[in-house]
N, C-alpha and C. Protein backbone atom coordinates (compact mmCIF):
# COMPACT_ATOMS: atom_id res chain seq x y z
N MET A 1 94.61 85.09 65.51
CA MET A 1 94.62 84.99 66.95
C MET A 1 93.17 84.96 67.44
N ASP A 2 92.86 84.05 68.33
CA ASP A 2 91.51 83.87 68.85
C ASP A 2 91.43 84.49 70.24
N LEU A 3 90.65 85.57 70.38
CA LEU A 3 90.57 86.29 71.65
C LEU A 3 89.33 85.95 72.48
N GLN A 4 88.47 85.09 71.97
CA GLN A 4 87.21 84.85 72.67
C GLN A 4 87.37 84.22 74.05
N TYR A 5 88.48 83.53 74.30
CA TYR A 5 88.66 82.88 75.59
C TYR A 5 89.63 83.63 76.51
N THR A 6 90.02 84.83 76.14
CA THR A 6 90.90 85.60 77.01
C THR A 6 90.15 86.00 78.27
N SER A 7 90.86 86.14 79.36
CA SER A 7 90.25 86.27 80.68
C SER A 7 89.30 87.45 80.82
N ILE A 8 89.73 88.65 80.52
CA ILE A 8 88.88 89.82 80.73
C ILE A 8 87.64 89.73 79.86
N ARG A 9 87.82 89.39 78.60
CA ARG A 9 86.70 89.30 77.66
C ARG A 9 85.69 88.25 78.12
N LYS A 10 86.17 87.16 78.70
CA LYS A 10 85.28 86.09 79.15
C LYS A 10 84.58 86.45 80.46
N MET A 11 85.28 87.17 81.35
CA MET A 11 84.71 87.49 82.66
C MET A 11 83.61 88.54 82.62
N GLU A 12 83.78 89.57 81.82
CA GLU A 12 82.84 90.70 81.85
C GLU A 12 81.37 90.29 81.69
N PRO A 13 80.99 89.52 80.66
CA PRO A 13 79.57 89.17 80.56
C PRO A 13 79.09 88.27 81.70
N GLU A 14 79.98 87.44 82.22
CA GLU A 14 79.60 86.57 83.35
C GLU A 14 79.32 87.40 84.60
N ILE A 15 80.15 88.40 84.85
CA ILE A 15 79.95 89.28 86.02
C ILE A 15 78.65 90.06 85.86
N THR A 16 78.42 90.61 84.68
CA THR A 16 77.19 91.37 84.43
C THR A 16 75.96 90.49 84.61
N ALA A 17 76.00 89.26 84.08
CA ALA A 17 74.87 88.35 84.23
C ALA A 17 74.62 88.02 85.71
N ARG A 18 75.68 87.86 86.46
CA ARG A 18 75.54 87.58 87.90
C ARG A 18 74.87 88.76 88.60
N LEU A 19 75.30 89.98 88.29
CA LEU A 19 74.70 91.16 88.90
C LEU A 19 73.23 91.30 88.53
N ARG A 20 72.89 90.93 87.30
CA ARG A 20 71.50 91.05 86.84
C ARG A 20 70.53 90.16 87.61
N LEU A 21 71.03 89.17 88.34
CA LEU A 21 70.16 88.34 89.17
C LEU A 21 69.43 89.18 90.20
N ALA A 22 70.08 90.22 90.70
CA ALA A 22 69.47 91.06 91.74
C ALA A 22 69.30 92.52 91.31
N PHE A 23 69.93 92.90 90.20
CA PHE A 23 69.85 94.28 89.73
C PHE A 23 69.27 94.29 88.32
N PRO A 24 67.93 94.16 88.19
CA PRO A 24 67.31 94.04 86.87
C PRO A 24 67.47 95.31 86.01
N ALA A 25 67.51 95.09 84.70
CA ALA A 25 67.74 96.18 83.75
C ALA A 25 66.65 97.26 83.82
N ARG A 26 65.44 96.91 84.22
CA ARG A 26 64.38 97.92 84.29
C ARG A 26 64.65 98.96 85.38
N ASP A 27 65.47 98.60 86.39
CA ASP A 27 65.74 99.52 87.50
C ASP A 27 67.18 100.01 87.58
N PHE A 28 68.13 99.23 87.04
CA PHE A 28 69.55 99.53 87.23
C PHE A 28 70.28 99.58 85.89
N SER A 29 71.10 100.60 85.72
CA SER A 29 72.01 100.65 84.57
C SER A 29 73.31 100.00 84.99
N ILE A 30 73.85 99.16 84.12
CA ILE A 30 75.17 98.56 84.34
C ILE A 30 75.97 98.76 83.07
N GLU A 31 77.18 99.31 83.20
CA GLU A 31 78.06 99.43 82.04
C GLU A 31 79.52 99.43 82.46
N ARG A 32 80.39 99.12 81.50
CA ARG A 32 81.84 99.16 81.74
C ARG A 32 82.28 100.60 81.84
N VAL A 33 83.14 100.87 82.80
CA VAL A 33 83.67 102.21 83.02
C VAL A 33 85.15 102.11 83.34
N PRO A 34 85.89 103.22 83.17
CA PRO A 34 87.28 103.20 83.63
C PRO A 34 87.31 103.26 85.15
N GLN A 35 88.43 102.86 85.76
CA GLN A 35 88.49 102.86 87.22
C GLN A 35 88.46 104.26 87.82
N VAL A 36 88.90 105.26 87.06
CA VAL A 36 88.82 106.65 87.51
C VAL A 36 87.96 107.40 86.50
N LEU A 37 86.87 107.97 86.99
CA LEU A 37 85.92 108.68 86.13
C LEU A 37 86.26 110.16 86.06
N THR A 38 86.12 110.75 84.89
CA THR A 38 86.22 112.21 84.79
C THR A 38 84.94 112.79 85.38
N ILE A 39 84.95 114.05 85.75
CA ILE A 39 83.76 114.66 86.32
C ILE A 39 82.63 114.69 85.30
N LYS A 40 82.98 114.89 84.02
CA LYS A 40 81.96 114.89 82.97
C LYS A 40 81.30 113.52 82.85
N GLU A 41 82.09 112.47 82.89
CA GLU A 41 81.54 111.12 82.82
C GLU A 41 80.72 110.80 84.06
N PHE A 42 81.20 111.24 85.23
CA PHE A 42 80.45 111.00 86.46
C PHE A 42 79.09 111.69 86.41
N GLU A 43 79.04 112.92 85.89
CA GLU A 43 77.77 113.63 85.77
C GLU A 43 76.78 112.82 84.93
N ARG A 44 77.25 112.27 83.82
CA ARG A 44 76.39 111.46 82.95
C ARG A 44 75.88 110.22 83.69
N LEU A 45 76.76 109.54 84.41
CA LEU A 45 76.38 108.31 85.10
C LEU A 45 75.46 108.57 86.29
N ALA A 46 75.66 109.69 86.98
CA ALA A 46 74.82 110.02 88.14
C ALA A 46 73.36 110.22 87.70
N ARG A 47 73.16 110.67 86.48
CA ARG A 47 71.79 110.84 85.97
C ARG A 47 71.12 109.49 85.72
N GLN A 48 71.90 108.40 85.65
CA GLN A 48 71.34 107.06 85.41
C GLN A 48 71.04 106.31 86.71
N SER A 49 71.12 107.00 87.83
CA SER A 49 70.93 106.36 89.13
C SER A 49 69.62 105.58 89.19
N PRO A 50 69.64 104.41 89.84
CA PRO A 50 70.78 103.71 90.43
C PRO A 50 71.66 103.08 89.34
N PHE A 51 72.97 103.25 89.50
CA PHE A 51 73.92 102.86 88.48
C PHE A 51 75.00 101.96 89.06
N ILE A 52 75.44 100.97 88.25
CA ILE A 52 76.56 100.11 88.62
C ILE A 52 77.57 100.15 87.48
N GLY A 53 78.76 100.61 87.78
CA GLY A 53 79.84 100.61 86.80
C GLY A 53 80.78 99.45 87.09
N LEU A 54 81.24 98.79 86.04
CA LEU A 54 82.17 97.66 86.17
C LEU A 54 83.50 98.09 85.58
N ALA A 55 84.53 98.15 86.42
CA ALA A 55 85.86 98.60 85.98
C ALA A 55 86.89 97.50 86.20
N TRP A 56 87.72 97.28 85.18
CA TRP A 56 88.85 96.36 85.32
C TRP A 56 90.02 97.17 85.86
N LEU A 57 90.64 96.68 86.94
CA LEU A 57 91.73 97.41 87.60
C LEU A 57 93.11 96.91 87.22
N GLY A 58 93.24 95.62 86.94
CA GLY A 58 94.56 95.08 86.63
C GLY A 58 94.63 93.59 86.88
N PHE A 59 95.85 93.09 86.86
CA PHE A 59 96.11 91.66 87.06
C PHE A 59 97.27 91.52 88.03
N ARG A 60 97.12 90.63 89.01
CA ARG A 60 98.20 90.35 89.97
C ARG A 60 98.59 88.89 89.80
N ALA A 61 99.81 88.66 89.29
CA ALA A 61 100.28 87.29 89.03
C ALA A 61 100.74 86.63 90.33
N ASP A 62 100.48 85.32 90.41
CA ASP A 62 101.02 84.52 91.52
C ASP A 62 102.52 84.37 91.32
N GLY A 63 103.26 84.38 92.40
CA GLY A 63 104.71 84.22 92.32
C GLY A 63 105.15 82.87 91.82
N ASP A 64 104.29 81.87 91.95
CA ASP A 64 104.68 80.52 91.53
C ASP A 64 104.18 80.15 90.13
N SER A 65 103.80 81.15 89.34
CA SER A 65 103.38 80.86 87.96
C SER A 65 104.53 80.29 87.17
N GLY A 66 104.24 79.29 86.40
CA GLY A 66 105.25 78.71 85.52
C GLY A 66 105.02 79.21 84.11
N ARG A 67 104.97 78.28 83.17
CA ARG A 67 104.72 78.66 81.77
C ARG A 67 103.31 79.20 81.58
N MET A 68 102.38 78.75 82.40
CA MET A 68 101.01 79.27 82.35
C MET A 68 100.87 80.28 83.48
N VAL A 69 100.63 81.52 83.15
CA VAL A 69 100.53 82.55 84.18
C VAL A 69 99.22 82.36 84.95
N LYS A 70 99.34 82.34 86.27
CA LYS A 70 98.18 82.23 87.16
C LYS A 70 98.14 83.48 88.02
N GLY A 71 96.96 83.83 88.44
CA GLY A 71 96.85 84.99 89.31
C GLY A 71 95.42 85.43 89.47
N ASN A 72 95.25 86.73 89.74
CA ASN A 72 93.92 87.30 89.98
C ASN A 72 93.69 88.51 89.11
N MET A 73 92.56 88.50 88.41
CA MET A 73 92.10 89.69 87.71
C MET A 73 91.40 90.55 88.75
N LEU A 74 91.74 91.80 88.78
CA LEU A 74 91.20 92.73 89.78
C LEU A 74 90.11 93.59 89.15
N TRP A 75 88.95 93.62 89.78
CA TRP A 75 87.78 94.33 89.28
C TRP A 75 87.22 95.26 90.36
N ARG A 76 86.41 96.21 89.93
CA ARG A 76 85.75 97.13 90.86
C ARG A 76 84.34 97.43 90.36
N LEU A 77 83.40 97.41 91.29
CA LEU A 77 82.06 97.93 91.01
C LEU A 77 82.00 99.34 91.57
N ILE A 78 81.46 100.25 90.79
CA ILE A 78 81.22 101.62 91.25
C ILE A 78 79.71 101.79 91.32
N LEU A 79 79.20 101.93 92.54
CA LEU A 79 77.76 102.03 92.78
C LEU A 79 77.39 103.49 92.99
N ILE A 80 76.41 103.97 92.26
CA ILE A 80 75.98 105.36 92.38
C ILE A 80 74.47 105.37 92.64
N PHE A 81 74.08 106.10 93.67
CA PHE A 81 72.65 106.23 93.98
C PHE A 81 72.33 107.69 94.27
N LYS A 82 71.21 108.15 93.74
CA LYS A 82 70.74 109.52 93.97
C LYS A 82 69.43 109.46 94.73
N ALA A 83 69.36 110.23 95.81
CA ALA A 83 68.16 110.26 96.64
C ALA A 83 66.96 110.71 95.83
N SER A 84 65.83 109.99 95.99
CA SER A 84 64.62 110.34 95.26
C SER A 84 63.74 111.30 96.05
N SER A 85 63.98 111.40 97.36
CA SER A 85 63.22 112.35 98.18
C SER A 85 64.18 112.91 99.23
N GLY A 86 63.96 112.67 100.50
CA GLY A 86 64.86 113.18 101.54
C GLY A 86 66.23 112.54 101.45
N LEU A 87 67.23 113.22 102.00
CA LEU A 87 68.61 112.75 101.91
C LEU A 87 68.82 111.40 102.58
N GLU A 88 67.96 111.05 103.52
CA GLU A 88 68.08 109.76 104.20
C GLU A 88 67.91 108.59 103.22
N THR A 89 67.12 108.81 102.15
CA THR A 89 66.89 107.73 101.18
C THR A 89 68.16 107.38 100.41
N ARG A 90 69.17 108.24 100.46
CA ARG A 90 70.44 107.92 99.80
C ARG A 90 70.97 106.59 100.30
N PHE A 91 70.84 106.36 101.58
CA PHE A 91 71.39 105.16 102.20
C PHE A 91 70.35 104.09 102.48
N LYS A 92 69.24 104.49 103.08
CA LYS A 92 68.24 103.54 103.55
C LYS A 92 67.28 103.08 102.48
N GLY A 93 67.18 103.80 101.40
CA GLY A 93 66.32 103.37 100.31
C GLY A 93 65.07 104.18 100.15
N ASP A 94 64.50 104.06 98.96
CA ASP A 94 63.28 104.78 98.63
C ASP A 94 62.10 103.81 98.69
N VAL A 95 60.99 104.16 98.05
CA VAL A 95 59.80 103.30 98.10
C VAL A 95 60.06 101.93 97.48
N LYS A 96 61.02 101.83 96.57
CA LYS A 96 61.37 100.54 95.96
C LYS A 96 62.35 99.75 96.84
N GLY A 97 62.81 100.37 97.93
CA GLY A 97 63.76 99.69 98.80
C GLY A 97 65.19 99.80 98.33
N ILE A 98 65.40 100.61 97.30
CA ILE A 98 66.74 100.74 96.76
C ILE A 98 67.44 101.92 97.43
N GLY A 99 68.65 101.68 97.89
CA GLY A 99 69.50 102.70 98.47
C GLY A 99 70.93 102.20 98.38
N LEU A 100 71.88 103.04 98.71
CA LEU A 100 73.27 102.63 98.58
C LEU A 100 73.61 101.47 99.51
N ASP A 101 73.06 101.47 100.72
CA ASP A 101 73.34 100.37 101.66
C ASP A 101 72.93 99.02 101.06
N ALA A 102 71.72 98.94 100.54
CA ALA A 102 71.23 97.68 99.97
C ALA A 102 72.02 97.31 98.72
N MET A 103 72.34 98.29 97.88
CA MET A 103 73.12 97.99 96.67
C MET A 103 74.46 97.36 97.04
N ALA A 104 75.15 97.94 98.03
CA ALA A 104 76.45 97.43 98.43
C ALA A 104 76.33 96.05 99.06
N ASP A 105 75.38 95.89 99.98
CA ASP A 105 75.19 94.59 100.65
C ASP A 105 74.91 93.48 99.65
N VAL A 106 74.02 93.75 98.70
CA VAL A 106 73.63 92.72 97.73
C VAL A 106 74.78 92.42 96.78
N ALA A 107 75.49 93.44 96.29
CA ALA A 107 76.61 93.21 95.37
C ALA A 107 77.70 92.36 96.04
N ILE A 108 78.01 92.66 97.28
CA ILE A 108 79.03 91.90 98.02
C ILE A 108 78.60 90.44 98.16
N ALA A 109 77.34 90.23 98.57
CA ALA A 109 76.85 88.87 98.77
C ALA A 109 76.79 88.08 97.45
N LEU A 110 76.42 88.74 96.36
CA LEU A 110 76.32 88.06 95.05
C LEU A 110 77.68 87.61 94.53
N LEU A 111 78.69 88.44 94.73
CA LEU A 111 79.99 88.15 94.12
C LEU A 111 80.87 87.22 94.94
N HIS A 112 80.92 87.43 96.25
CA HIS A 112 81.85 86.66 97.07
C HIS A 112 81.44 85.18 97.15
N GLY A 113 82.40 84.31 96.88
CA GLY A 113 82.16 82.88 96.98
C GLY A 113 81.58 82.26 95.72
N TRP A 114 81.32 83.07 94.71
CA TRP A 114 80.80 82.58 93.44
C TRP A 114 81.97 82.12 92.58
N THR A 115 81.74 81.22 91.67
CA THR A 115 82.77 80.77 90.73
C THR A 115 82.29 81.00 89.32
N ILE A 116 83.11 81.66 88.51
CA ILE A 116 82.80 81.83 87.10
C ILE A 116 83.15 80.51 86.42
N PRO A 117 82.18 79.86 85.81
CA PRO A 117 82.42 78.55 85.19
C PRO A 117 83.57 78.59 84.19
N GLY A 118 84.50 77.64 84.35
CA GLY A 118 85.63 77.53 83.43
C GLY A 118 86.70 78.59 83.63
N THR A 119 86.55 79.44 84.64
CA THR A 119 87.53 80.51 84.86
C THR A 119 88.12 80.45 86.26
N GLY A 120 87.32 80.74 87.28
CA GLY A 120 87.86 80.69 88.64
C GLY A 120 86.95 81.31 89.67
N ALA A 121 87.41 81.26 90.91
CA ALA A 121 86.65 81.73 92.06
C ALA A 121 86.70 83.24 92.18
N VAL A 122 85.61 83.79 92.70
CA VAL A 122 85.48 85.23 92.90
C VAL A 122 85.49 85.50 94.40
N SER A 123 86.26 86.52 94.81
CA SER A 123 86.25 86.91 96.21
C SER A 123 86.29 88.43 96.33
N VAL A 124 85.44 88.94 97.19
CA VAL A 124 85.41 90.38 97.46
C VAL A 124 86.58 90.70 98.36
N THR A 125 87.34 91.73 98.01
CA THR A 125 88.52 92.10 98.79
C THR A 125 88.32 93.34 99.65
N SER A 126 87.40 94.23 99.24
CA SER A 126 87.09 95.41 100.06
C SER A 126 85.87 96.11 99.50
N ALA A 127 85.29 96.97 100.33
CA ALA A 127 84.18 97.82 99.91
C ALA A 127 84.31 99.13 100.67
N ASN A 128 84.10 100.24 99.98
CA ASN A 128 84.29 101.55 100.59
C ASN A 128 83.26 102.55 100.11
N SER A 129 82.93 103.48 100.98
CA SER A 129 82.17 104.65 100.58
C SER A 129 83.18 105.65 100.03
N VAL A 130 82.86 106.28 98.92
CA VAL A 130 83.81 107.21 98.30
C VAL A 130 83.09 108.50 97.91
N ILE A 131 83.88 109.50 97.53
CA ILE A 131 83.32 110.75 97.03
C ILE A 131 83.91 111.03 95.65
N ALA A 132 83.21 111.84 94.89
CA ALA A 132 83.71 112.25 93.58
C ALA A 132 84.27 113.66 93.73
N ASP A 133 85.59 113.80 93.53
CA ASP A 133 86.20 115.12 93.64
C ASP A 133 85.57 116.08 92.64
N GLY A 134 85.18 117.25 93.12
CA GLY A 134 84.59 118.24 92.25
C GLY A 134 83.08 118.12 92.10
N TRP A 135 82.48 117.17 92.79
CA TRP A 135 81.04 116.95 92.70
C TRP A 135 80.39 117.51 93.96
N SER A 136 79.30 118.25 93.82
CA SER A 136 78.72 118.91 95.00
C SER A 136 77.25 118.61 95.22
N ASP A 137 76.69 117.60 94.58
CA ASP A 137 75.29 117.25 94.77
C ASP A 137 75.14 116.35 95.98
N ASP A 138 74.55 116.87 97.06
CA ASP A 138 74.40 116.10 98.30
C ASP A 138 73.48 114.90 98.16
N ALA A 139 72.65 114.89 97.13
CA ALA A 139 71.70 113.79 96.95
C ALA A 139 72.37 112.52 96.40
N VAL A 140 73.60 112.64 95.91
CA VAL A 140 74.29 111.51 95.28
C VAL A 140 75.32 110.91 96.23
N VAL A 141 75.28 109.58 96.35
CA VAL A 141 76.27 108.86 97.16
C VAL A 141 76.90 107.77 96.30
N ILE A 142 78.13 107.41 96.66
CA ILE A 142 78.91 106.47 95.85
C ILE A 142 79.60 105.46 96.76
N ALA A 143 79.69 104.25 96.28
CA ALA A 143 80.47 103.22 96.96
C ALA A 143 81.19 102.42 95.90
N GLN A 144 82.26 101.77 96.31
CA GLN A 144 82.94 100.87 95.40
C GLN A 144 83.18 99.54 96.10
N VAL A 145 83.04 98.48 95.31
CA VAL A 145 83.26 97.12 95.80
C VAL A 145 84.37 96.53 94.95
N ASP A 146 85.50 96.21 95.58
CA ASP A 146 86.62 95.60 94.87
C ASP A 146 86.56 94.09 95.04
N PHE A 147 86.83 93.38 93.94
CA PHE A 147 86.83 91.93 93.99
C PHE A 147 87.86 91.39 93.00
N GLN A 148 88.18 90.12 93.17
CA GLN A 148 89.16 89.49 92.28
C GLN A 148 88.64 88.15 91.81
N VAL A 149 89.13 87.77 90.63
CA VAL A 149 88.75 86.50 90.03
C VAL A 149 90.03 85.73 89.73
N THR A 150 90.16 84.53 90.29
CA THR A 150 91.34 83.72 89.99
C THR A 150 91.24 83.23 88.55
N CYS A 151 92.39 83.17 87.90
CA CYS A 151 92.39 82.73 86.51
C CYS A 151 93.79 82.29 86.10
N ALA A 152 93.86 81.68 84.95
CA ALA A 152 95.13 81.28 84.35
C ALA A 152 95.08 81.62 82.87
N ALA A 153 96.23 81.92 82.31
CA ALA A 153 96.29 82.27 80.89
C ALA A 153 97.47 81.56 80.25
N SER A 154 97.26 81.15 79.02
CA SER A 154 98.29 80.46 78.28
C SER A 154 98.18 80.86 76.81
N PRO A 155 99.30 80.96 76.11
CA PRO A 155 99.21 81.27 74.68
C PRO A 155 98.43 80.23 73.89
N SER A 156 98.33 79.00 74.41
CA SER A 156 97.62 77.95 73.67
C SER A 156 96.15 78.31 73.45
N ARG A 157 95.56 79.07 74.36
CA ARG A 157 94.15 79.47 74.21
C ARG A 157 93.96 80.50 73.11
N LEU A 158 95.06 81.10 72.66
CA LEU A 158 94.98 82.10 71.59
C LEU A 158 94.99 81.47 70.21
N ASN A 159 95.19 80.14 70.17
CA ASN A 159 95.24 79.40 68.90
C ASN A 159 96.30 79.95 67.95
N LEU A 160 97.47 80.21 68.49
CA LEU A 160 98.59 80.62 67.66
C LEU A 160 99.20 79.35 67.07
N ILE A 161 99.21 79.24 65.75
CA ILE A 161 99.65 78.00 65.12
C ILE A 161 100.84 78.21 64.19
N THR A 162 100.77 79.21 63.37
CA THR A 162 101.83 79.41 62.38
C THR A 162 102.90 80.35 62.90
N ALA A 163 104.03 80.35 62.23
CA ALA A 163 105.10 81.28 62.61
C ALA A 163 104.62 82.71 62.48
N GLU A 164 103.75 82.98 61.51
CA GLU A 164 103.21 84.33 61.33
C GLU A 164 102.35 84.75 62.52
N ASP A 165 101.63 83.78 63.10
CA ASP A 165 100.83 84.09 64.29
C ASP A 165 101.73 84.59 65.41
N PHE A 166 102.84 83.89 65.64
CA PHE A 166 103.76 84.28 66.70
C PHE A 166 104.46 85.59 66.36
N GLU A 167 104.73 85.79 65.08
CA GLU A 167 105.36 87.02 64.63
C GLU A 167 104.47 88.21 64.96
N GLY A 168 103.16 88.01 64.87
CA GLY A 168 102.20 89.06 65.16
C GLY A 168 102.20 89.52 66.60
N ILE A 169 102.70 88.70 67.50
CA ILE A 169 102.79 89.10 68.90
C ILE A 169 103.83 90.18 69.09
N GLY A 170 104.84 90.19 68.25
CA GLY A 170 105.87 91.22 68.32
C GLY A 170 106.93 90.95 69.37
N VAL A 171 107.23 89.70 69.64
CA VAL A 171 108.25 89.36 70.64
C VAL A 171 109.63 89.41 70.00
N THR A 172 110.57 90.00 70.70
CA THR A 172 111.96 89.99 70.26
C THR A 172 112.76 89.20 71.28
N TRP A 173 113.49 88.19 70.80
CA TRP A 173 114.30 87.36 71.69
C TRP A 173 115.72 87.87 71.68
N ARG A 174 116.28 88.03 72.86
CA ARG A 174 117.67 88.46 72.97
C ARG A 174 118.47 87.26 73.47
N LEU A 175 119.31 86.75 72.62
CA LEU A 175 120.10 85.57 72.96
C LEU A 175 121.57 85.96 73.01
N GLU A 176 122.19 85.61 74.11
CA GLU A 176 123.62 85.87 74.25
C GLU A 176 124.38 84.78 73.52
N PRO A 177 125.28 85.12 72.64
CA PRO A 177 126.02 84.08 71.91
C PRO A 177 126.92 83.27 72.86
N ASP A 178 126.88 81.97 72.67
CA ASP A 178 127.71 81.06 73.43
C ASP A 178 128.59 80.33 72.41
N PRO A 179 129.91 80.50 72.51
CA PRO A 179 130.78 79.91 71.49
C PRO A 179 130.69 78.39 71.42
N ASP A 180 130.26 77.74 72.51
CA ASP A 180 130.16 76.28 72.52
C ASP A 180 128.75 75.77 72.18
N ALA A 181 127.83 76.68 71.94
CA ALA A 181 126.44 76.27 71.70
C ALA A 181 126.24 75.79 70.27
N ILE A 182 125.19 75.02 70.12
CA ILE A 182 124.80 74.58 68.78
C ILE A 182 124.26 75.81 68.04
N PRO A 183 124.64 75.98 66.79
CA PRO A 183 124.16 77.14 66.04
C PRO A 183 122.64 77.18 65.95
N LEU A 184 122.07 78.39 66.10
CA LEU A 184 120.63 78.59 66.04
C LEU A 184 120.22 78.98 64.62
N THR A 185 119.02 78.57 64.25
CA THR A 185 118.48 79.01 62.96
C THR A 185 117.26 79.87 63.24
N ASP A 186 116.80 80.55 62.21
CA ASP A 186 115.61 81.37 62.37
C ASP A 186 114.37 80.68 61.81
N THR A 187 114.43 79.37 61.64
CA THR A 187 113.32 78.62 61.10
C THR A 187 112.59 77.92 62.24
N ILE A 188 111.28 78.02 62.20
CA ILE A 188 110.44 77.33 63.20
C ILE A 188 109.67 76.25 62.46
N ASN A 189 109.84 75.02 62.90
CA ASN A 189 109.09 73.91 62.30
C ASN A 189 107.99 73.51 63.25
N LEU A 190 106.75 73.62 62.78
CA LEU A 190 105.59 73.30 63.61
C LEU A 190 104.93 72.06 63.06
N ASP A 191 104.47 71.20 63.98
CA ASP A 191 103.69 70.05 63.55
C ASP A 191 102.32 70.55 63.10
N GLU A 192 101.77 69.90 62.11
CA GLU A 192 100.43 70.28 61.66
C GLU A 192 99.43 69.88 62.73
N ALA A 193 98.46 70.75 62.96
CA ALA A 193 97.40 70.43 63.93
C ALA A 193 96.54 69.31 63.38
N PRO A 194 96.05 68.40 64.25
CA PRO A 194 95.23 67.28 63.78
C PRO A 194 93.92 67.78 63.20
């Protein structure tokens, strides 16, 4: 099975590269995170401020999908900034001009209206200021930016060719017997790939 063209695997590096246009590695940490952080994980990430976490939230299929499932991959950026001096710098920025307001504004502008080549259009769906339950450091502020990427998926992109390939998926077919139907066999005959 070939997973290199699957949607999530293909989108992640493209999203990170897009963010790196305005959030260089020398100043910003970017890494994949779960959509809900434990307090221990949040403590670790807050020390990396300014930090951008990329979380996959799920997939919402279009109602009109046929054999090829179409829909939107749902993603979230988790932005964390820690004040370097007075608490006002949490939002308005420090001497480098970095603050939560600028991080959110730039992330929204970078993502919305962009198209991931060969995949689909990106649109920001919401952005919110949030808090971390159980966290009490007033110098740290958090925001999240939710966005979606249109995409389509088909088993053909997985390069499933042999009966064993399909067997590996683990699908069980439940067929109701029809006394007038042509008898079914358990043999799959596949044409050889060119």
